Amino acid sequence: MSDVKDSPDIDDVPIVAETPVYIEEIAQMDEDGWVLLKKDLQEFLFRREQNENSAYQSADFAVWINDHGKRFDQFYQHLRNTDPTLLIQWKKKALDDDEMNDAEFICEWATFRDSAK
């Protein structure tokens, strides 16, 4: 006889499908939620550029929108149509006060922004 205790057979272990990240959150978002998400991401980028770019240090958010608003709209709409989970992930990371999480979003935005030049 074996000393192995009865353990569940591998076939008896239920398989739990992983829900794709943020799918439920995306499904529940109305247009106001998408507008708020966009505004939060824009304000985050403005604050970052305000800290790093002397042109925005004394400027307000309206100046940043004037300079980058149309291009950000294109960036945002592209991602909303192709991979909206990224927008939600980036918002959560931007709002968590951990700057180490923000690099991907900042780099993607900078690459997209600079591609128009």
PDB file of N, CA and C in Angstrom:
ATOM      1  N   MET A   1       0.826  -1.176   0.000  1.00  0.00           N
ATOM      2  CA  MET A   1       0.000   0.000   0.000  1.00  0.00           C
ATOM      3  C   MET A   1       0.868   1.235   0.000  1.00  0.00           C
ATOM      4  N   SER A   2       0.320   2.242  -0.599  1.00  0.00           N
ATOM      5  CA  SER A   2       1.039   3.504  -0.721  1.00  0.00           C
ATOM      6  C   SER A   2       0.775   4.363   0.496  1.00  0.00           C
ATOM      7  N   ASP A   3       1.790   5.157   0.867  1.00  0.00           N
ATOM      8  CA  ASP A   3       1.640   6.086   1.979  1.00  0.00           C
ATOM      9  C   ASP A   3       1.012   7.414   1.530  1.00  0.00           C
ATOM     10  N   VAL A   4       0.739   7.536   0.251  1.00  0.00           N
ATOM     11  CA  VAL A   4       0.179   8.785  -0.271  1.00  0.00           C
ATOM     12  C   VAL A   4      -1.268   8.891   0.169  1.00  0.00           C
ATOM     13  N   LYS A   5      -1.583  10.033   0.781  1.00  0.00           N
ATOM     14  CA  LYS A   5      -2.952  10.254   1.221  1.00  0.00           C
ATOM     15  C   LYS A   5      -3.822  10.499   0.005  1.00  0.00           C
ATOM     16  N   ASP A   6      -5.080  10.245   0.203  1.00  0.00           N
ATOM     17  CA  ASP A   6      -6.011  10.496  -0.895  1.00  0.00           C
ATOM     18  C   ASP A   6      -5.962  11.972  -1.265  1.00  0.00           C
ATOM     19  N   SER A   7      -5.721  12.220  -2.512  1.00  0.00           N
ATOM     20  CA  SER A   7      -5.747  13.592  -3.019  1.00  0.00           C
ATOM     21  C   SER A   7      -6.685  13.611  -4.211  1.00  0.00           C
ATOM     22  N   PRO A   8      -7.247  14.746  -4.485  1.00  0.00           N
ATOM     23  CA  PRO A   8      -8.188  14.769  -5.607  1.00  0.00           C
ATOM     24  C   PRO A   8      -7.484  14.422  -6.905  1.00  0.00           C
ATOM     25  N   ASP A   9      -8.162  13.668  -7.686  1.00  0.00           N
ATOM     26  CA  ASP A   9      -7.654  13.343  -9.012  1.00  0.00           C
ATOM     27  C   ASP A   9      -7.621  14.636  -9.821  1.00  0.00           C
ATOM     28  N   ILE A  10      -6.633  14.770 -10.682  1.00  0.00           N
ATOM     29  CA  ILE A  10      -6.498  15.980 -11.480  1.00  0.00           C
ATOM     30  C   ILE A  10      -7.765  16.265 -12.275  1.00  0.00           C
ATOM     31  N   ASP A  11      -8.472  15.228 -12.657  1.00  0.00           N
ATOM     32  CA  ASP A  11      -9.715  15.408 -13.413  1.00  0.00           C
ATOM     33  C   ASP A  11     -10.854  15.933 -12.548  1.00  0.00           C
ATOM     34  N   ASP A  12     -10.707  15.824 -11.226  1.00  0.00           N
ATOM     35  CA  ASP A  12     -11.751  16.287 -10.321  1.00  0.00           C
ATOM     36  C   ASP A  12     -11.580  17.751  -9.925  1.00  0.00           C
ATOM     37  N   VAL A  13     -10.461  18.342 -10.279  1.00  0.00           N
ATOM     38  CA  VAL A  13     -10.209  19.741  -9.920  1.00  0.00           C
ATOM     39  C   VAL A  13     -10.900  20.627 -10.948  1.00  0.00           C
ATOM     40  N   PRO A  14     -11.775  21.506 -10.473  1.00  0.00           N
ATOM     41  CA  PRO A  14     -12.494  22.353 -11.433  1.00  0.00           C
ATOM     42  C   PRO A  14     -11.548  23.328 -12.139  1.00  0.00           C
ATOM     43  N   ILE A  15     -11.828  23.549 -13.380  1.00  0.00           N
ATOM     44  CA  ILE A  15     -11.045  24.506 -14.154  1.00  0.00           C
ATOM     45  C   ILE A  15     -11.794  25.829 -14.112  1.00  0.00           C
ATOM     46  N   VAL A  16     -11.098  26.839 -13.666  1.00  0.00           N
ATOM     47  CA  VAL A  16     -11.698  28.162 -13.580  1.00  0.00           C
ATOM     48  C   VAL A  16     -11.081  29.016 -14.671  1.00  0.00           C
ATOM     49  N   ALA A  17     -11.916  29.448 -15.572  1.00  0.00           N
ATOM     50  CA  ALA A  17     -11.414  30.295 -16.657  1.00  0.00           C
ATOM     51  C   ALA A  17     -11.107  31.677 -16.103  1.00  0.00           C
ATOM     52  N   GLU A  18      -9.967  32.192 -16.505  1.00  0.00           N
ATOM     53  CA  GLU A  18      -9.608  33.532 -16.072  1.00  0.00           C
ATOM     54  C   GLU A  18     -10.415  34.545 -16.867  1.00  0.00           C
ATOM     55  N   THR A  19     -10.989  35.490 -16.148  1.00  0.00           N
ATOM     56  CA  THR A  19     -11.698  36.564 -16.820  1.00  0.00           C
ATOM     57  C   THR A  19     -10.665  37.553 -17.317  1.00  0.00           C
ATOM     58  N   PRO A  20     -10.717  37.888 -18.588  1.00  0.00           N
ATOM     59  CA  PRO A  20      -9.759  38.878 -19.082  1.00  0.00           C
ATOM     60  C   PRO A  20      -9.826  40.149 -18.240  1.00  0.00           C
ATOM     61  N   VAL A  21      -8.676  40.732 -18.034  1.00  0.00           N
ATOM     62  CA  VAL A  21      -8.541  41.885 -17.154  1.00  0.00           C
ATOM     63  C   VAL A  21      -9.488  43.007 -17.579  1.00  0.00           C
ATOM     64  N   TYR A  22     -10.241  43.488 -16.638  1.00  0.00           N
ATOM     65  CA  TYR A  22     -11.109  44.655 -16.791  1.00  0.00           C
ATOM     66  C   TYR A  22     -12.269  44.484 -17.775  1.00  0.00           C
ATOM     67  N   ILE A  23     -12.530  43.285 -18.266  1.00  0.00           N
ATOM     68  CA  ILE A  23     -13.617  43.087 -19.224  1.00  0.00           C
ATOM     69  C   ILE A  23     -14.958  43.499 -18.614  1.00  0.00           C
ATOM     70  N   GLU A  24     -15.193  43.109 -17.379  1.00  0.00           N
ATOM     71  CA  GLU A  24     -16.457  43.467 -16.736  1.00  0.00           C
ATOM     72  C   GLU A  24     -16.553  44.970 -16.533  1.00  0.00           C
ATOM     73  N   GLU A  25     -15.450  45.578 -16.137  1.00  0.00           N
ATOM     74  CA  GLU A  25     -15.438  47.025 -15.931  1.00  0.00           C
ATOM     75  C   GLU A  25     -15.725  47.766 -17.239  1.00  0.00           C
ATOM     76  N   ILE A  26     -15.143  47.294 -18.321  1.00  0.00           N
ATOM     77  CA  ILE A  26     -15.367  47.905 -19.636  1.00  0.00           C
ATOM     78  C   ILE A  26     -16.830  47.748 -20.043  1.00  0.00           C
ATOM     79  N   ALA A  27     -17.380  46.567 -19.815  1.00  0.00           N
ATOM     80  CA  ALA A  27     -18.768  46.305 -20.203  1.00  0.00           C
ATOM     81  C   ALA A  27     -19.749  47.198 -19.446  1.00  0.00           C
ATOM     82  N   GLN A  28     -19.398  47.588 -18.230  1.00  0.00           N
ATOM     83  CA  GLN A  28     -20.293  48.394 -17.408  1.00  0.00           C
ATOM     84  C   GLN A  28     -20.108  49.900 -17.601  1.00  0.00           C
ATOM     85  N   MET A  29     -19.069  50.309 -18.320  1.00  0.00           N
ATOM     86  CA  MET A  29     -18.801  51.736 -18.474  1.00  0.00           C
ATOM     87  C   MET A  29     -19.758  52.382 -19.462  1.00  0.00           C
ATOM     88  N   ASP A  30     -20.333  53.499 -19.029  1.00  0.00           N
ATOM     89  CA  ASP A  30     -21.149  54.285 -19.945  1.00  0.00           C
ATOM     90  C   ASP A  30     -20.277  55.406 -20.521  1.00  0.00           C
ATOM     91  N   GLU A  31     -20.853  56.217 -21.371  1.00  0.00           N
ATOM     92  CA  GLU A  31     -20.063  57.262 -22.036  1.00  0.00           C
ATOM     93  C   GLU A  31     -19.478  58.253 -21.032  1.00  0.00           C
ATOM     94  N   ASP A  32     -20.208  58.558 -19.966  1.00  0.00           N
ATOM     95  CA  ASP A  32     -19.678  59.461 -18.938  1.00  0.00           C
ATOM     96  C   ASP A  32     -18.431  58.879 -18.286  1.00  0.00           C
ATOM     97  N   GLY A  33     -18.423  57.574 -18.092  1.00  0.00           N
ATOM     98  CA  GLY A  33     -17.251  56.909 -17.524  1.00  0.00           C
ATOM     99  C   GLY A  33     -16.037  57.017 -18.431  1.00  0.00           C
ATOM    100  N   TRP A  34     -16.260  56.861 -19.736  1.00  0.00           N
ATOM    101  CA  TRP A  34     -15.153  56.991 -20.691  1.00  0.00           C
ATOM    102  C   TRP A  34     -14.628  58.422 -20.728  1.00  0.00           C
ATOM    103  N   VAL A  35     -15.529  59.397 -20.638  1.00  0.00           N
ATOM    104  CA  VAL A  35     -15.112  60.806 -20.634  1.00  0.00           C
ATOM    105  C   VAL A  35     -14.291  61.097 -19.380  1.00  0.00           C
ATOM    106  N   LEU A  36     -14.730  60.595 -18.242  1.00  0.00           N
ATOM    107  CA  LEU A  36     -13.993  60.798 -16.998  1.00  0.00           C
ATOM    108  C   LEU A  36     -12.621  60.129 -17.057  1.00  0.00           C
ATOM    109  N   LEU A  37     -12.562  58.938 -17.601  1.00  0.00           N
ATOM    110  CA  LEU A  37     -11.287  58.229 -17.742  1.00  0.00           C
ATOM    111  C   LEU A  37     -10.324  59.051 -18.604  1.00  0.00           C
ATOM    112  N   LYS A  38     -10.825  59.569 -19.709  1.00  0.00           N
ATOM    113  CA  LYS A  38      -9.997  60.392 -20.601  1.00  0.00           C
ATOM    114  C   LYS A  38      -9.495  61.633 -19.871  1.00  0.00           C
ATOM    115  N   LYS A  39     -10.373  62.302 -19.157  1.00  0.00           N
ATOM    116  CA  LYS A  39      -9.992  63.510 -18.418  1.00  0.00           C
ATOM    117  C   LYS A  39      -8.938  63.192 -17.362  1.00  0.00           C
ATOM    118  N   ASP A  40      -9.112  62.101 -16.644  1.00  0.00           N
ATOM    119  CA  ASP A  40      -8.132  61.713 -15.621  1.00  0.00           C
ATOM    120  C   ASP A  40      -6.757  61.470 -16.237  1.00  0.00           C
ATOM    121  N   LEU A  41      -6.719  60.804 -17.386  1.00  0.00           N
ATOM    122  CA  LEU A  41      -5.441  60.541 -18.050  1.00  0.00           C
ATOM    123  C   LEU A  41      -4.811  61.832 -18.562  1.00  0.00           C
ATOM    124  N   GLN A  42      -5.622  62.736 -19.103  1.00  0.00           N
ATOM    125  CA  GLN A  42      -5.100  64.020 -19.567  1.00  0.00           C
ATOM    126  C   GLN A  42      -4.530  64.828 -18.404  1.00  0.00           C
ATOM    127  N   GLU A  43      -5.250  64.881 -17.299  1.00  0.00           N
ATOM    128  CA  GLU A  43      -4.774  65.635 -16.139  1.00  0.00           C
ATOM    129  C   GLU A  43      -3.489  65.036 -15.585  1.00  0.00           C
ATOM    130  N   PHE A  44      -3.400  63.723 -15.592  1.00  0.00           N
ATOM    131  CA  PHE A  44      -2.173  63.074 -15.140  1.00  0.00           C
ATOM    132  C   PHE A  44      -0.993  63.495 -16.012  1.00  0.00           C
ATOM    133  N   LEU A  45      -1.166  63.433 -17.336  1.00  0.00           N
ATOM    134  CA  LEU A  45      -0.082  63.825 -18.244  1.00  0.00           C
ATOM    135  C   LEU A  45       0.268  65.297 -18.077  1.00  0.00           C
ATOM    136  N   PHE A  46      -0.730  66.142 -17.901  1.00  0.00           N
ATOM    137  CA  PHE A  46      -0.481  67.565 -17.676  1.00  0.00           C
ATOM    138  C   PHE A  46       0.377  67.771 -16.426  1.00  0.00           C
ATOM    139  N   ARG A  47       0.013  67.127 -15.329  1.00  0.00           N
ATOM    140  CA  ARG A  47       0.792  67.274 -14.082  1.00  0.00           C
ATOM    141  C   ARG A  47       2.227  66.801 -14.270  1.00  0.00           C
ATOM    142  N   ARG A  48       2.401  65.688 -14.979  1.00  0.00           N
ATOM    143  CA  ARG A  48       3.764  65.184 -15.232  1.00  0.00           C
ATOM    144  C   ARG A  48       4.566  66.183 -16.048  1.00  0.00           C
ATOM    145  N   GLU A  49       3.962  66.697 -17.119  1.00  0.00           N
ATOM    146  CA  GLU A  49       4.673  67.650 -17.962  1.00  0.00           C
ATOM    147  C   GLU A  49       4.878  68.976 -17.242  1.00  0.00           C
ATOM    148  N   GLN A  50       3.954  69.338 -16.385  1.00  0.00           N
ATOM    149  CA  GLN A  50       4.093  70.568 -15.610  1.00  0.00           C
ATOM    150  C   GLN A  50       5.319  70.479 -14.702  1.00  0.00           C
ATOM    151  N   ASN A  51       5.568  69.314 -14.155  1.00  0.00           N
ATOM    152  CA  ASN A  51       6.732  69.112 -13.287  1.00  0.00           C
ATOM    153  C   ASN A  51       8.036  69.049 -14.068  1.00  0.00           C
ATOM    154  N   GLU A  52       7.984  68.580 -15.307  1.00  0.00           N
ATOM    155  CA  GLU A  52       9.204  68.320 -16.066  1.00  0.00           C
ATOM    156  C   GLU A  52       9.494  69.337 -17.163  1.00  0.00           C
ATOM    157  N   ASN A  53       8.517  70.142 -17.548  1.00  0.00           N
ATOM    158  CA  ASN A  53       8.670  71.024 -18.696  1.00  0.00           C
ATOM    159  C   ASN A  53       8.377  72.455 -18.267  1.00  0.00           C
ATOM    160  N   SER A  54       9.378  73.317 -18.382  1.00  0.00           N
ATOM    161  CA  SER A  54       9.221  74.694 -17.918  1.00  0.00           C
ATOM    162  C   SER A  54       8.098  75.430 -18.651  1.00  0.00           C
ATOM    163  N   ALA A  55       7.766  75.015 -19.855  1.00  0.00           N
ATOM    164  CA  ALA A  55       6.697  75.677 -20.600  1.00  0.00           C
ATOM    165  C   ALA A  55       5.340  75.518 -19.920  1.00  0.00           C
ATOM    166  N   TYR A  56       5.187  74.487 -19.103  1.00  0.00           N
ATOM    167  CA  TYR A  56       3.897  74.241 -18.455  1.00  0.00           C
ATOM    168  C   TYR A  56       3.912  74.527 -16.958  1.00  0.00           C
ATOM    169  N   GLN A  57       5.027  74.980 -16.408  1.00  0.00           N
ATOM    170  CA  GLN A  57       5.099  75.142 -14.961  1.00  0.00           C
ATOM    171  C   GLN A  57       4.104  76.162 -14.436  1.00  0.00           C
ATOM    172  N   SER A  58       3.900  77.239 -15.159  1.00  0.00           N
ATOM    173  CA  SER A  58       2.939  78.236 -14.686  1.00  0.00           C
ATOM    174  C   SER A  58       1.629  78.179 -15.473  1.00  0.00           C
ATOM    175  N   ALA A  59       1.556  77.256 -16.395  1.00  0.00           N
ATOM    176  CA  ALA A  59       0.370  77.151 -17.247  1.00  0.00           C
ATOM    177  C   ALA A  59      -0.744  76.393 -16.540  1.00  0.00           C
ATOM    178  N   ASP A  60      -1.920  76.559 -17.060  1.00  0.00           N
ATOM    179  CA  ASP A  60      -3.026  75.773 -16.535  1.00  0.00           C
ATOM    180  C   ASP A  60      -3.378  74.657 -17.517  1.00  0.00           C
ATOM    181  N   PHE A  61      -4.312  73.854 -17.106  1.00  0.00           N
ATOM    182  CA  PHE A  61      -4.692  72.673 -17.878  1.00  0.00           C
ATOM    183  C   PHE A  61      -5.185  73.052 -19.278  1.00  0.00           C
ATOM    184  N   ALA A  62      -5.862  74.187 -19.401  1.00  0.00           N
ATOM    185  CA  ALA A  62      -6.391  74.610 -20.705  1.00  0.00           C
ATOM    186  C   ALA A  62      -5.276  74.819 -21.725  1.00  0.00           C
ATOM    187  N   VAL A  63      -4.122  75.297 -21.277  1.00  0.00           N
ATOM    188  CA  VAL A  63      -2.988  75.491 -22.185  1.00  0.00           C
ATOM    189  C   VAL A  63      -2.504  74.137 -22.692  1.00  0.00           C
ATOM    190  N   TRP A  64      -2.396  73.163 -21.799  1.00  0.00           N
ATOM    191  CA  TRP A  64      -1.964  71.823 -22.203  1.00  0.00           C
ATOM    192  C   TRP A  64      -2.953  71.229 -23.205  1.00  0.00           C
ATOM    193  N   ILE A  65      -4.249  71.377 -22.926  1.00  0.00           N
ATOM    194  CA  ILE A  65      -5.274  70.859 -23.836  1.00  0.00           C
ATOM    195  C   ILE A  65      -5.164  71.550 -25.193  1.00  0.00           C
ATOM    196  N   ASN A  66      -4.916  72.845 -25.185  1.00  0.00           N
ATOM    197  CA  ASN A  66      -4.759  73.577 -26.442  1.00  0.00           C
ATOM    198  C   ASN A  66      -3.588  73.024 -27.253  1.00  0.00           C
ATOM    199  N   ASP A  67      -2.501  72.697 -26.572  1.00  0.00           N
ATOM    200  CA  ASP A  67      -1.300  72.188 -27.243  1.00  0.00           C
ATOM    201  C   ASP A  67      -1.415  70.725 -27.661  1.00  0.00           C
ATOM    202  N   HIS A  68      -2.064  69.912 -26.840  1.00  0.00           N
ATOM    203  CA  HIS A  68      -2.044  68.459 -27.053  1.00  0.00           C
ATOM    204  C   HIS A  68      -3.412  67.803 -27.193  1.00  0.00           C
ATOM    205  N   GLY A  69      -4.478  68.557 -27.039  1.00  0.00           N
ATOM    206  CA  GLY A  69      -5.816  67.973 -26.990  1.00  0.00           C
ATOM    207  C   GLY A  69      -6.206  67.146 -28.197  1.00  0.00           C
ATOM    208  N   LYS A  70      -5.996  67.678 -29.391  1.00  0.00           N
ATOM    209  CA  LYS A  70      -6.398  66.935 -30.595  1.00  0.00           C
ATOM    210  C   LYS A  70      -5.597  65.650 -30.743  1.00  0.00           C
ATOM    211  N   ARG A  71      -4.303  65.735 -30.494  1.00  0.00           N
ATOM    212  CA  ARG A  71      -3.460  64.543 -30.627  1.00  0.00           C
ATOM    213  C   ARG A  71      -3.822  63.519 -29.555  1.00  0.00           C
ATOM    214  N   PHE A  72      -4.105  63.983 -28.317  1.00  0.00           N
ATOM    215  CA  PHE A  72      -4.502  63.051 -27.267  1.00  0.00           C
ATOM    216  C   PHE A  72      -5.828  62.387 -27.622  1.00  0.00           C
ATOM    217  N   ASP A  73      -6.756  63.140 -28.207  1.00  0.00           N
ATOM    218  CA  ASP A  73      -8.028  62.546 -28.636  1.00  0.00           C
ATOM    219  C   ASP A  73      -7.792  61.388 -29.597  1.00  0.00           C
ATOM    220  N   GLN A  74      -6.877  61.570 -30.542  1.00  0.00           N
ATOM    221  CA  GLN A  74      -6.553  60.500 -31.494  1.00  0.00           C
ATOM    222  C   GLN A  74      -5.953  59.298 -30.772  1.00  0.00           C
ATOM    223  N   PHE A  75      -5.028  59.556 -29.856  1.00  0.00           N
ATOM    224  CA  PHE A  75      -4.382  58.510 -29.059  1.00  0.00           C
ATOM    225  C   PHE A  75      -5.428  57.735 -28.261  1.00  0.00           C
ATOM    226  N   TYR A  76      -6.271  58.474 -27.570  1.00  0.00           N
ATOM    227  CA  TYR A  76      -7.294  57.881 -26.719  1.00  0.00           C
ATOM    228  C   TYR A  76      -8.292  57.056 -27.539  1.00  0.00           C
ATOM    229  N   GLN A  77      -8.789  57.621 -28.630  1.00  0.00           N
ATOM    230  CA  GLN A  77      -9.763  56.906 -29.454  1.00  0.00           C
ATOM    231  C   GLN A  77      -9.163  55.649 -30.072  1.00  0.00           C
ATOM    232  N   HIS A  78      -7.919  55.743 -30.492  1.00  0.00           N
ATOM    233  CA  HIS A  78      -7.247  54.560 -31.042  1.00  0.00           C
ATOM    234  C   HIS A  78      -7.211  53.443 -29.999  1.00  0.00           C
ATOM    235  N   LEU A  79      -6.805  53.770 -28.784  1.00  0.00           N
ATOM    236  CA  LEU A  79      -6.728  52.744 -27.737  1.00  0.00           C
ATOM    237  C   LEU A  79      -8.108  52.282 -27.286  1.00  0.00           C
ATOM    238  N   ARG A  80      -9.042  53.187 -27.219  1.00  0.00           N
ATOM    239  CA  ARG A  80     -10.400  52.787 -26.823  1.00  0.00           C
ATOM    240  C   ARG A  80     -10.965  51.783 -27.822  1.00  0.00           C
ATOM    241  N   ASN A  81     -10.637  51.952 -29.092  1.00  0.00           N
ATOM    242  CA  ASN A  81     -11.134  51.040 -30.127  1.00  0.00           C
ATOM    243  C   ASN A  81     -10.336  49.747 -30.226  1.00  0.00           C
ATOM    244  N   THR A  82      -9.053  49.777 -29.890  1.00  0.00           N
ATOM    245  CA  THR A  82      -8.208  48.599 -30.089  1.00  0.00           C
ATOM    246  C   THR A  82      -7.892  47.839 -28.808  1.00  0.00           C
ATOM    247  N   ASP A  83      -7.678  48.545 -27.697  1.00  0.00           N
ATOM    248  CA  ASP A  83      -7.317  47.870 -26.444  1.00  0.00           C
ATOM    249  C   ASP A  83      -7.726  48.725 -25.244  1.00  0.00           C
ATOM    250  N   PRO A  84      -9.024  48.820 -24.976  1.00  0.00           N
ATOM    251  CA  PRO A  84      -9.485  49.684 -23.889  1.00  0.00           C
ATOM    252  C   PRO A  84      -8.982  49.263 -22.512  1.00  0.00           C
ATOM    253  N   THR A  85      -8.581  48.006 -22.363  1.00  0.00           N
ATOM    254  CA  THR A  85      -8.056  47.587 -21.059  1.00  0.00           C
ATOM    255  C   THR A  85      -6.798  48.366 -20.699  1.00  0.00           C
ATOM    256  N   LEU A  86      -6.011  48.742 -21.697  1.00  0.00           N
ATOM    257  CA  LEU A  86      -4.807  49.533 -21.414  1.00  0.00           C
ATOM    258  C   LEU A  86      -5.167  50.866 -20.777  1.00  0.00           C
ATOM    259  N   LEU A  87      -6.205  51.507 -21.274  1.00  0.00           N
ATOM    260  CA  LEU A  87      -6.607  52.797 -20.713  1.00  0.00           C
ATOM    261  C   LEU A  87      -6.970  52.661 -19.238  1.00  0.00           C
ATOM    262  N   ILE A  88      -7.705  51.621 -18.906  1.00  0.00           N
ATOM    263  CA  ILE A  88      -8.108  51.411 -17.516  1.00  0.00           C
ATOM    264  C   ILE A  88      -6.899  51.062 -16.656  1.00  0.00           C
ATOM    265  N   GLN A  89      -6.025  50.195 -17.159  1.00  0.00           N
ATOM    266  CA  GLN A  89      -4.810  49.853 -16.410  1.00  0.00           C
ATOM    267  C   GLN A  89      -3.973  51.095 -16.158  1.00  0.00           C
ATOM    268  N   TRP A  90      -3.788  51.898 -17.189  1.00  0.00           N
ATOM    269  CA  TRP A  90      -2.956  53.091 -17.053  1.00  0.00           C
ATOM    270  C   TRP A  90      -3.568  54.090 -16.076  1.00  0.00           C
ATOM    271  N   LYS A  91      -4.888  54.228 -16.081  1.00  0.00           N
ATOM    272  CA  LYS A  91      -5.524  55.136 -15.124  1.00  0.00           C
ATOM    273  C   LYS A  91      -5.281  54.648 -13.704  1.00  0.00           C
ATOM    274  N   LYS A  92      -5.491  53.368 -13.467  1.00  0.00           N
ATOM    275  CA  LYS A  92      -5.283  52.825 -12.121  1.00  0.00           C
ATOM    276  C   LYS A  92      -3.837  53.026 -11.677  1.00  0.00           C
ATOM    277  N   LYS A  93      -2.903  52.806 -12.589  1.00  0.00           N
ATOM    278  CA  LYS A  93      -1.490  52.990 -12.259  1.00  0.00           C
ATOM    279  C   LYS A  93      -1.160  54.459 -12.039  1.00  0.00           C
ATOM    280  N   ALA A  94      -1.743  55.333 -12.840  1.00  0.00           N
ATOM    281  CA  ALA A  94      -1.475  56.766 -12.710  1.00  0.00           C
ATOM    282  C   ALA A  94      -1.984  57.306 -11.380  1.00  0.00           C
ATOM    283  N   LEU A  95      -3.070  56.760 -10.889  1.00  0.00           N
ATOM    284  CA  LEU A  95      -3.670  57.257  -9.656  1.00  0.00           C
ATOM    285  C   LEU A  95      -3.137  56.590  -8.397  1.00  0.00           C
ATOM    286  N   ASP A  96      -2.237  55.621  -8.541  1.00  0.00           N
ATOM    287  CA  ASP A  96      -1.762  54.904  -7.352  1.00  0.00           C
ATOM    288  C   ASP A  96      -0.551  55.556  -6.683  1.00  0.00           C
ATOM    289  N   ASP A  97      -0.091  56.688  -7.194  1.00  0.00           N
ATOM    290  CA  ASP A  97       1.030  57.447  -6.627  1.00  0.00           C
ATOM    291  C   ASP A  97       2.356  56.699  -6.646  1.00  0.00           C
ATOM    292  N   ASP A  98       2.469  55.664  -7.438  1.00  0.00           N
ATOM    293  CA  ASP A  98       3.733  54.945  -7.596  1.00  0.00           C
ATOM    294  C   ASP A  98       4.267  55.257  -8.990  1.00  0.00           C
ATOM    295  N   GLU A  99       5.235  56.154  -9.057  1.00  0.00           N
ATOM    296  CA  GLU A  99       5.747  56.607 -10.350  1.00  0.00           C
ATOM    297  C   GLU A  99       6.379  55.487 -11.163  1.00  0.00           C
ATOM    298  N   MET A 100       6.779  54.418 -10.532  1.00  0.00           N
ATOM    299  CA  MET A 100       7.387  53.297 -11.250  1.00  0.00           C
ATOM    300  C   MET A 100       6.366  52.629 -12.182  1.00  0.00           C
ATOM    301  N   ASN A 101       5.088  52.781 -11.889  1.00  0.00           N
ATOM    302  CA  ASN A 101       4.029  52.172 -12.701  1.00  0.00           C
ATOM    303  C   ASN A 101       3.676  52.977 -13.942  1.00  0.00           C
ATOM    304  N   ASP A 102       4.139  54.209 -14.011  1.00  0.00           N
ATOM    305  CA  ASP A 102       3.646  55.144 -15.013  1.00  0.00           C
ATOM    306  C   ASP A 102       4.420  55.148 -16.323  1.00  0.00           C
ATOM    307  N   ALA A 103       5.561  54.521 -16.357  1.00  0.00           N
ATOM    308  CA  ALA A 103       6.461  54.630 -17.510  1.00  0.00           C
ATOM    309  C   ALA A 103       5.826  54.149 -18.810  1.00  0.00           C
ATOM    310  N   GLU A 104       5.112  53.039 -18.777  1.00  0.00           N
ATOM    311  CA  GLU A 104       4.534  52.498 -20.013  1.00  0.00           C
ATOM    312  C   GLU A 104       3.564  53.496 -20.643  1.00  0.00           C
ATOM    313  N   PHE A 105       2.676  54.046 -19.838  1.00  0.00           N
ATOM    314  CA  PHE A 105       1.706  55.017 -20.340  1.00  0.00           C
ATOM    315  C   PHE A 105       2.404  56.262 -20.881  1.00  0.00           C
ATOM    316  N   ILE A 106       3.336  56.795 -20.129  1.00  0.00           N
ATOM    317  CA  ILE A 106       4.042  58.007 -20.542  1.00  0.00           C
ATOM    318  C   ILE A 106       4.806  57.770 -21.838  1.00  0.00           C
ATOM    319  N   CYS A 107       5.471  56.643 -21.944  1.00  0.00           N
ATOM    320  CA  CYS A 107       6.239  56.333 -23.163  1.00  0.00           C
ATOM    321  C   CYS A 107       5.327  56.133 -24.368  1.00  0.00           C
ATOM    322  N   GLU A 108       4.219  55.423 -24.182  1.00  0.00           N
ATOM    323  CA  GLU A 108       3.281  55.218 -25.295  1.00  0.00           C
ATOM    324  C   GLU A 108       2.707  56.548 -25.767  1.00  0.00           C
ATOM    325  N   TRP A 109       2.337  57.403 -24.821  1.00  0.00           N
ATOM    326  CA  TRP A 109       1.807  58.715 -25.180  1.00  0.00           C
ATOM    327  C   TRP A 109       2.878  59.540 -25.907  1.00  0.00           C
ATOM    328  N   ALA A 110       4.088  59.569 -25.380  1.00  0.00           N
ATOM    329  CA  ALA A 110       5.159  60.358 -26.000  1.00  0.00           C
ATOM    330  C   ALA A 110       5.459  59.871 -27.413  1.00  0.00           C
ATOM    331  N   THR A 111       5.482  58.568 -27.602  1.00  0.00           N
ATOM    332  CA  THR A 111       5.741  58.010 -28.933  1.00  0.00           C
ATOM    333  C   THR A 111       4.631  58.407 -29.902  1.00  0.00           C
ATOM    334  N   PHE A 112       3.400  58.283 -29.464  1.00  0.00           N
ATOM    335  CA  PHE A 112       2.262  58.646 -30.316  1.00  0.00           C
ATOM    336  C   PHE A 112       2.273  60.142 -30.607  1.00  0.00           C
ATOM    337  N   ARG A 113       2.483  60.941 -29.579  1.00  0.00           N
ATOM    338  CA  ARG A 113       2.503  62.405 -29.734  1.00  0.00           C
ATOM    339  C   ARG A 113       3.590  62.831 -30.708  1.00  0.00           C
ATOM    340  N   ASP A 114       4.773  62.268 -30.545  1.00  0.00           N
ATOM    341  CA  ASP A 114       5.916  62.664 -31.369  1.00  0.00           C
ATOM    342  C   ASP A 114       5.835  62.129 -32.792  1.00  0.00           C
ATOM    343  N   SER A 115       5.019  61.116 -33.019  1.00  0.00           N
ATOM    344  CA  SER A 115       4.902  60.565 -34.371  1.00  0.00           C
ATOM    345  C   SER A 115       4.197  61.534 -35.320  1.00  0.00           C
ATOM    346  N   ALA A 116       3.541  62.536 -34.781  1.00  0.00           N
ATOM    347  CA  ALA A 116       2.847  63.523 -35.616  1.00  0.00           C
ATOM    348  C   ALA A 116       3.772  64.639 -36.070  1.00  0.00           C
ATOM    349  N   LYS A 117       4.950  64.706 -35.501  1.00  0.00           N
ATOM    350  CA  LYS A 117       5.878  65.803 -35.824  1.00  0.00           C
ATOM    351  C   LYS A 117       6.592  65.570 -37.123  1.00  0.00           C
TER     352      LYS A 117
END
